[in-house]
């Protein structure tokens, strides 16, 4: 990889917009695929996404925008996917250009529903992309704070250290700090699991639990995350690092967290469907909960928090009763 290596972002939401903003700080040209031609026209004229992260000013002269996914895939070497996991398969069905020899980085914090796989594993198994050409971009980092240029931190994970360093260099700026990791499986599972725990935090808040309980919930969540990830991918990792604990904390506590917002609505008595209809953005934790619950049944991990969230979202159990039971399982 060198300065001639070309990078494109696929997706039109807030995190895709934030990543594009970061890349344009360092690169002369950034490819950007999104479905909406109207959004593309607006960005070209006004230098911001009309639907997501409107406060993020982006230099449109540096953008190679397209609503044709095949044009973008054919032209660029590194593809950063920031499409919500629930819609990834639908978008990939449009592909006629091969992904072979492409370098894939996932900025998607969820499970692909159709396969039950994290995104990196999905590309590896479904498209035969070698793990050396797969990477993960994770937080702790909210798109909204990137738009405001508040100091933020990213972890770039890839088995190929040079690829991780290249992406890290392309994203860093005076307000973005980056570090690299070789734990692509662990960091991506952590990014998926923390959304479930943020839903749990939201439900608890909606039910009226206070900060004292939230601290116990998050303390138990990081230990539960450690047990779960160890079952699916055993390697030496420090679960207290930013990519795991840091990302969990910001998603569990932040006012910008859509998963916490979704959980809060459930705790206040909204049905799943009504909460989803009221939110303008996808809460990845909803889909992740079903997949994580299935996986934990297969691998035998002890996951009382995931179990409680699953029972509320998918088994129609009363949230107040489920969280009352959960309080007796935490320490």
Protein backbone atom coordinates (compact mmCIF):
# COMPACT_ATOMS: atom_id res chain seq x y z
CA UNK A 1 0.00 0.00 0.00
CA UNK A 2 1.26 3.47 -0.91
CA UNK A 3 0.09 7.00 -1.66
CA UNK A 4 -1.47 5.79 -4.92
CA UNK A 5 -3.76 3.37 -3.03
CA UNK A 6 -7.29 4.70 -3.41
CA UNK A 7 -9.90 4.58 -0.63
CA UNK A 8 -13.69 4.66 -0.90
CA UNK A 9 -16.46 4.65 1.68
CA UNK A 10 -19.70 2.77 1.06
CA UNK A 11 -22.76 4.00 2.94
CA UNK A 12 -24.68 7.24 3.36
CA UNK A 13 -25.38 7.38 7.10
CA UNK A 14 -23.81 9.30 9.96
CA UNK A 15 -20.79 7.04 10.51
CA UNK A 16 -20.06 6.87 6.77
CA UNK A 17 -20.25 10.67 6.68
CA UNK A 18 -17.88 10.98 9.64
CA UNK A 19 -15.35 8.65 8.03
CA UNK A 20 -15.50 10.57 4.76
CA UNK A 21 -14.87 13.80 6.69
CA UNK A 22 -11.82 12.23 8.37
CA UNK A 23 -10.41 10.94 5.08
CA UNK A 24 -10.79 14.28 3.30
CA UNK A 25 -8.51 15.83 5.95
CA UNK A 26 -5.65 13.77 4.46
CA UNK A 27 -6.49 12.61 0.92
CA UNK A 28 -6.94 14.47 -2.35
CA UNK A 29 -9.71 12.15 -3.54
CA UNK A 30 -12.16 10.00 -1.55
CA UNK A 31 -14.66 7.70 -3.24
CA UNK A 32 -18.12 7.74 -1.70
CA UNK A 33 -20.99 5.44 -2.65
CA UNK A 34 -24.49 6.15 -1.40
CA UNK A 35 -27.87 5.12 -2.76
CA UNK A 36 -29.48 8.56 -2.95
CA UNK A 37 -28.80 10.68 -6.03
CA UNK A 38 -30.61 13.58 -4.34
CA UNK A 39 -28.19 13.41 -1.40
CA UNK A 40 -25.23 13.34 -3.78
CA UNK A 41 -26.49 16.43 -5.61
CA UNK A 42 -27.00 18.21 -2.29
CA UNK A 43 -23.49 17.36 -1.05
CA UNK A 44 -21.91 18.61 -4.28
CA UNK A 45 -23.68 21.94 -3.90
CA UNK A 46 -23.68 22.45 -0.12
CA UNK A 47 -20.71 20.45 1.26
CA UNK A 48 -22.73 18.47 3.80
CA UNK A 49 -24.96 15.41 3.96
CA UNK A 50 -28.60 16.61 4.03
CA UNK A 51 -29.88 13.63 6.01
CA UNK A 52 -27.13 12.68 8.46
CA UNK A 53 -24.54 14.64 10.43
CA UNK A 54 -25.54 17.92 8.80
CA UNK A 55 -23.03 19.81 10.95
CA UNK A 56 -20.10 17.99 9.31
CA UNK A 57 -18.57 20.26 6.68
CA UNK A 58 -16.96 18.24 3.88
CA UNK A 59 -14.91 19.54 0.98
CA UNK A 60 -16.98 18.30 -1.96
CA UNK A 61 -14.14 19.03 -4.40
CA UNK A 62 -12.30 16.05 -2.89
CA UNK A 63 -15.23 13.66 -3.32
CA UNK A 64 -15.84 11.15 -6.09
CA UNK A 65 -19.52 10.54 -5.41
CA UNK A 66 -21.56 7.79 -7.03
CA UNK A 67 -24.92 6.07 -6.56
CA UNK A 68 -23.61 3.07 -8.55
CA UNK A 69 -21.90 0.64 -6.19
CA UNK A 70 -20.16 -1.15 -9.06
CA UNK A 71 -18.45 2.02 -10.29
CA UNK A 72 -17.05 2.66 -6.84
CA UNK A 73 -15.94 -0.94 -6.27
CA UNK A 74 -14.26 -1.12 -9.67
CA UNK A 75 -12.33 2.14 -9.20
CA UNK A 76 -11.03 1.85 -5.62
CA UNK A 77 -8.49 -0.43 -3.90
CA UNK A 78 -9.67 -0.09 -0.28
CA UNK A 79 -13.39 -0.29 0.45
CA UNK A 80 -14.61 0.92 3.85
CA UNK A 81 -18.10 -0.46 4.43
CA UNK A 82 -20.28 1.70 6.69
CA UNK A 83 -23.68 0.35 5.64
CA UNK A 84 -25.95 -0.81 8.51
CA UNK A 85 -25.58 -4.57 8.89
CA UNK A 86 -29.32 -5.10 8.34
CA UNK A 87 -28.97 -3.73 4.79
CA UNK A 88 -25.51 -5.00 3.85
CA UNK A 89 -26.68 -8.15 2.03
CA UNK A 90 -29.20 -6.13 0.01
CA UNK A 91 -26.49 -3.72 -1.13
CA UNK A 92 -24.00 -6.49 -1.92
CA UNK A 93 -26.60 -8.18 -4.16
CA UNK A 94 -26.17 -5.23 -6.54
CA UNK A 95 -22.52 -6.15 -7.13
CA UNK A 96 -21.45 -7.36 -10.54
CA UNK A 97 -17.82 -6.31 -10.06
CA UNK A 98 -15.62 -8.76 -8.13
CA UNK A 99 -14.34 -8.06 -4.62
CA UNK A 100 -11.34 -10.29 -5.23
CA UNK A 101 -8.06 -8.43 -4.61
CA UNK A 102 -9.90 -5.63 -2.79
CA UNK A 103 -8.98 -4.63 0.76
CA UNK A 104 -12.10 -4.55 2.91
CA UNK A 105 -12.41 -2.54 6.12
CA UNK A 106 -15.57 -2.81 8.17
CA UNK A 107 -16.90 0.19 10.04
CA UNK A 108 -20.13 -1.72 10.68
CA UNK A 109 -20.87 -2.46 14.31
CA UNK A 110 -23.24 -5.36 13.99
CA UNK A 111 -24.07 -8.84 12.74
CA UNK A 112 -25.14 -9.69 9.19
CA UNK A 113 -28.64 -11.10 9.90
CA UNK A 114 -28.73 -13.49 6.94
CA UNK A 115 -25.55 -15.34 7.98
CA UNK A 116 -25.30 -14.54 11.69
CA UNK A 117 -21.66 -13.51 11.13
CA UNK A 118 -19.71 -10.40 12.04
CA UNK A 119 -18.88 -8.44 8.90
CA UNK A 120 -15.25 -9.54 8.56
CA UNK A 121 -16.20 -13.21 8.82
CA UNK A 122 -19.04 -12.61 6.35
CA UNK A 123 -16.67 -11.24 3.71
CA UNK A 124 -14.18 -14.02 4.41
CA UNK A 125 -16.70 -16.88 4.11
CA UNK A 126 -19.07 -15.48 1.49
CA UNK A 127 -16.58 -13.70 -0.79
CA UNK A 128 -13.35 -15.60 -0.07
CA UNK A 129 -11.51 -12.45 1.04
CA UNK A 130 -8.39 -13.51 3.00
CA UNK A 131 -8.24 -12.20 6.57
CA UNK A 132 -5.01 -10.37 5.66
CA UNK A 133 -7.17 -8.16 3.40
CA UNK A 134 -9.87 -7.57 6.02
CA UNK A 135 -9.79 -4.92 8.72
CA UNK A 136 -11.99 -3.24 11.30
CA UNK A 137 -12.43 0.42 12.24
CA UNK A 138 -13.79 0.81 15.75
CA UNK A 139 -14.08 3.40 18.49
CA UNK A 140 -14.65 4.71 21.04
CA UNK A 141 -15.88 7.38 18.66
CA UNK A 142 -19.29 8.91 18.00
CA UNK A 143 -19.94 10.38 14.57
CA UNK A 144 -21.56 13.46 16.11
CA UNK A 145 -18.35 14.38 17.96
CA UNK A 146 -16.32 13.90 14.77
CA UNK A 147 -18.63 16.45 13.13
CA UNK A 148 -17.87 18.88 15.97
CA UNK A 149 -14.15 18.08 15.69
CA UNK A 150 -13.93 17.00 19.31
CA UNK A 151 -10.92 14.88 20.23
CA UNK A 152 -11.71 11.25 19.39
CA UNK A 153 -9.85 7.93 19.25
CA UNK A 154 -10.04 5.09 16.74
CA UNK A 155 -8.65 1.56 16.77
CA UNK A 156 -7.73 0.09 13.38
CA UNK A 157 -7.46 -3.70 13.45
CA UNK A 158 -5.94 -5.89 10.72
CA UNK A 159 -3.69 -8.94 10.62
CA UNK A 160 -1.50 -7.06 8.16
CA UNK A 161 0.11 -4.33 10.26
CA UNK A 162 1.01 -2.20 7.23
CA UNK A 163 -2.60 -2.03 6.08
CA UNK A 164 -3.74 -1.03 9.57
CA UNK A 165 -1.07 1.70 9.71
CA UNK A 166 -2.07 2.98 6.26
CA UNK A 167 -5.73 3.34 7.22
CA UNK A 168 -4.77 4.84 10.56
CA UNK A 169 -2.61 7.45 8.83
CA UNK A 170 -5.42 8.22 6.37
CA UNK A 171 -7.90 8.87 9.19
CA UNK A 172 -5.81 10.71 11.78
CA UNK A 173 -5.85 14.47 12.23
CA UNK A 174 -5.48 17.07 14.97
CA UNK A 175 -8.77 15.85 16.47
CA UNK A 176 -8.51 12.12 15.58
CA UNK A 177 -5.94 9.84 17.21
CA UNK A 178 -5.49 6.28 15.91
CA UNK A 179 -3.90 3.09 17.20
CA UNK A 180 -3.57 -0.32 15.56
CA UNK A 181 -4.41 -3.86 16.65
CA UNK A 182 -4.17 -7.36 15.20
CA UNK A 183 -7.37 -8.55 16.94
CA UNK A 184 -9.82 -8.21 14.04
CA UNK A 185 -12.23 -10.82 15.42
CA UNK A 186 -12.21 -9.60 19.02
CA UNK A 187 -12.58 -5.92 18.22
CA UNK A 188 -15.44 -6.56 15.82
CA UNK A 189 -17.28 -8.79 18.30
CA UNK A 190 -16.74 -6.12 20.95
CA UNK A 191 -18.21 -3.49 18.62
CA UNK A 192 -21.25 -5.72 18.15
CA UNK A 193 -21.70 -6.67 21.82
CA UNK A 194 -21.37 -3.14 23.21
CA UNK A 195 -24.52 -2.19 21.28
CA UNK A 196 -26.47 -4.87 23.16
CA UNK A 197 -25.15 -3.60 26.49
CA UNK A 198 -26.09 -0.05 25.48
CA UNK A 199 -29.64 -1.27 24.82
CA UNK A 200 -29.57 -2.79 28.32
CA UNK A 201 -28.37 0.52 29.77
CA UNK A 202 -31.18 2.31 27.96
CA UNK A 203 -33.83 -0.12 29.20
CA UNK A 204 -32.55 0.31 32.75
CA UNK A 205 -32.70 4.11 32.43
CA UNK A 206 -36.21 3.94 30.99
CA UNK A 207 -37.28 1.78 33.93
CA UNK A 208 -35.95 4.34 36.39
CA UNK A 209 -32.68 2.76 37.50
CA UNK A 210 -30.04 5.31 38.46
CA UNK A 211 -26.32 5.87 38.00
CA UNK A 212 -25.38 3.47 40.79
CA UNK A 213 -27.02 0.57 38.99
CA UNK A 214 -25.66 1.68 35.61
CA UNK A 215 -22.10 1.47 36.93
CA UNK A 216 -22.69 -2.09 38.14
CA UNK A 217 -24.34 -2.97 34.83
CA UNK A 218 -21.36 -1.68 32.79
CA UNK A 219 -18.88 -3.40 35.14
CA UNK A 220 -20.66 -6.70 34.60
CA UNK A 221 -21.02 -6.02 30.87
CA UNK A 222 -17.25 -5.79 30.27
CA UNK A 223 -16.72 -9.08 32.11
CA UNK A 224 -19.54 -10.68 30.13
CA UNK A 225 -17.99 -9.35 26.92
CA UNK A 226 -14.64 -10.87 27.89
CA UNK A 227 -16.24 -14.30 28.48
CA UNK A 228 -18.15 -14.18 25.21
CA UNK A 229 -15.20 -13.10 23.03
CA UNK A 230 -12.90 -15.64 24.67
CA UNK A 231 -15.34 -18.39 23.63
CA UNK A 232 -15.45 -17.32 19.98
CA UNK A 233 -11.82 -16.26 19.51
CA UNK A 234 -9.25 -17.08 22.16
CA UNK A 235 -6.13 -14.92 22.05
CA UNK A 236 -4.21 -12.63 24.39
CA UNK A 237 -6.04 -9.27 24.60
CA UNK A 238 -6.53 -6.59 27.23
CA UNK A 239 -10.30 -6.17 27.52
CA UNK A 240 -9.72 -2.85 29.33
CA UNK A 241 -8.28 -1.24 26.19
CA UNK A 242 -10.21 1.52 24.43
CA UNK A 243 -11.49 -0.72 21.61
CA UNK A 244 -13.34 -2.89 24.14
CA UNK A 245 -14.03 -1.10 27.44
CA UNK A 246 -13.79 2.43 26.02
CA UNK A 247 -16.24 1.72 23.21
CA UNK A 248 -18.60 0.01 25.66
CA UNK A 249 -18.61 2.99 28.02
CA UNK A 250 -19.23 5.67 25.38
CA UNK A 251 -22.04 3.64 23.81
CA UNK A 252 -23.60 2.80 27.15
CA UNK A 253 -23.53 6.33 28.56
CA UNK A 254 -23.55 8.84 25.69
CA UNK A 255 -26.56 10.95 24.75
CA UNK A 256 -25.59 10.29 21.11
CA UNK A 257 -26.00 6.50 21.47
CA UNK A 258 -28.87 5.34 19.30
CA UNK A 259 -28.80 1.91 21.01
CA UNK A 260 -29.19 3.47 24.45
CA UNK A 261 -31.97 5.67 23.05
CA UNK A 262 -33.73 2.60 21.63
CA UNK A 263 -33.43 0.76 24.95
CA UNK A 264 -34.68 3.79 26.86
CA UNK A 265 -37.83 3.80 24.77
CA UNK A 266 -38.37 0.09 25.42
CA UNK A 267 -37.92 0.68 29.15
CA UNK A 268 -40.53 3.45 29.03
CA UNK A 269 -43.06 1.05 27.51
CA UNK A 270 -42.67 1.41 23.74
CA UNK A 271 -43.06 -1.74 21.70
CA UNK A 272 -40.06 -2.75 19.60
CA UNK A 273 -41.89 -1.78 16.42
CA UNK A 274 -43.00 1.63 17.69
CA UNK A 275 -39.51 2.43 18.99
CA UNK A 276 -37.97 1.50 15.63
CA UNK A 277 -40.51 3.61 13.74
CA UNK A 278 -39.82 6.67 15.91
CA UNK A 279 -36.04 6.47 15.48
CA UNK A 280 -34.54 7.83 12.29
CA UNK A 281 -31.41 5.64 12.56
CA UNK A 282 -30.80 1.91 12.92
CA UNK A 283 -30.19 0.52 16.42
CA UNK A 284 -27.72 -2.26 15.58
CA UNK A 285 -28.11 -3.74 19.06
CA UNK A 286 -31.59 -5.01 18.22
CA UNK A 287 -30.32 -7.32 15.47
CA UNK A 288 -27.12 -8.17 17.37
CA UNK A 289 -29.08 -9.42 20.37
CA UNK A 290 -30.71 -12.25 18.43
CA UNK A 291 -27.42 -13.41 16.91
CA UNK A 292 -25.48 -13.11 20.17
CA UNK A 293 -28.12 -15.08 22.06
CA UNK A 294 -27.96 -17.87 19.47
CA UNK A 295 -24.15 -17.93 19.62
CA UNK A 296 -24.01 -18.00 23.39
CA UNK A 297 -26.34 -21.02 23.40
CA UNK A 298 -23.89 -22.76 21.06
CA UNK A 299 -20.69 -21.81 22.88
CA UNK A 300 -21.98 -21.97 26.45
CA UNK A 301 -20.90 -18.50 27.58
CA UNK A 302 -22.56 -17.10 30.70
CA UNK A 303 -24.41 -13.98 29.52
CA UNK A 304 -27.18 -12.82 31.91
CA UNK A 305 -27.31 -9.31 30.39
CA UNK A 306 -27.66 -10.56 26.81
CA UNK A 307 -30.29 -13.05 28.04
CA UNK A 308 -32.33 -10.30 29.70
CA UNK A 309 -32.24 -8.05 26.62
CA UNK A 310 -33.18 -10.98 24.36
CA UNK A 311 -36.13 -11.90 26.59
CA UNK A 312 -37.45 -8.33 26.43
CA UNK A 313 -36.91 -7.76 22.69
CA UNK A 314 -37.69 -11.19 21.26
CA UNK A 315 -39.55 -13.26 23.87
CA UNK A 316 -42.08 -10.54 24.79
CA UNK A 317 -41.10 -10.67 28.44
CA UNK A 318 -41.94 -7.75 30.71
CA UNK A 319 -38.91 -5.45 30.93
CA UNK A 320 -39.52 -4.54 34.58
CA UNK A 321 -39.66 -8.18 35.65
CA UNK A 322 -36.67 -9.22 33.54
CA UNK A 323 -34.46 -6.46 34.91
CA UNK A 324 -35.59 -7.22 38.45
CA UNK A 325 -34.31 -10.77 37.88
CA UNK A 326 -31.12 -9.39 36.30
CA UNK A 327 -30.34 -7.27 39.38
CA UNK A 328 -29.96 -10.49 41.39
CA UNK A 329 -27.47 -11.93 38.88
CA UNK A 330 -25.07 -8.96 38.89
CA UNK A 331 -22.35 -8.23 41.41
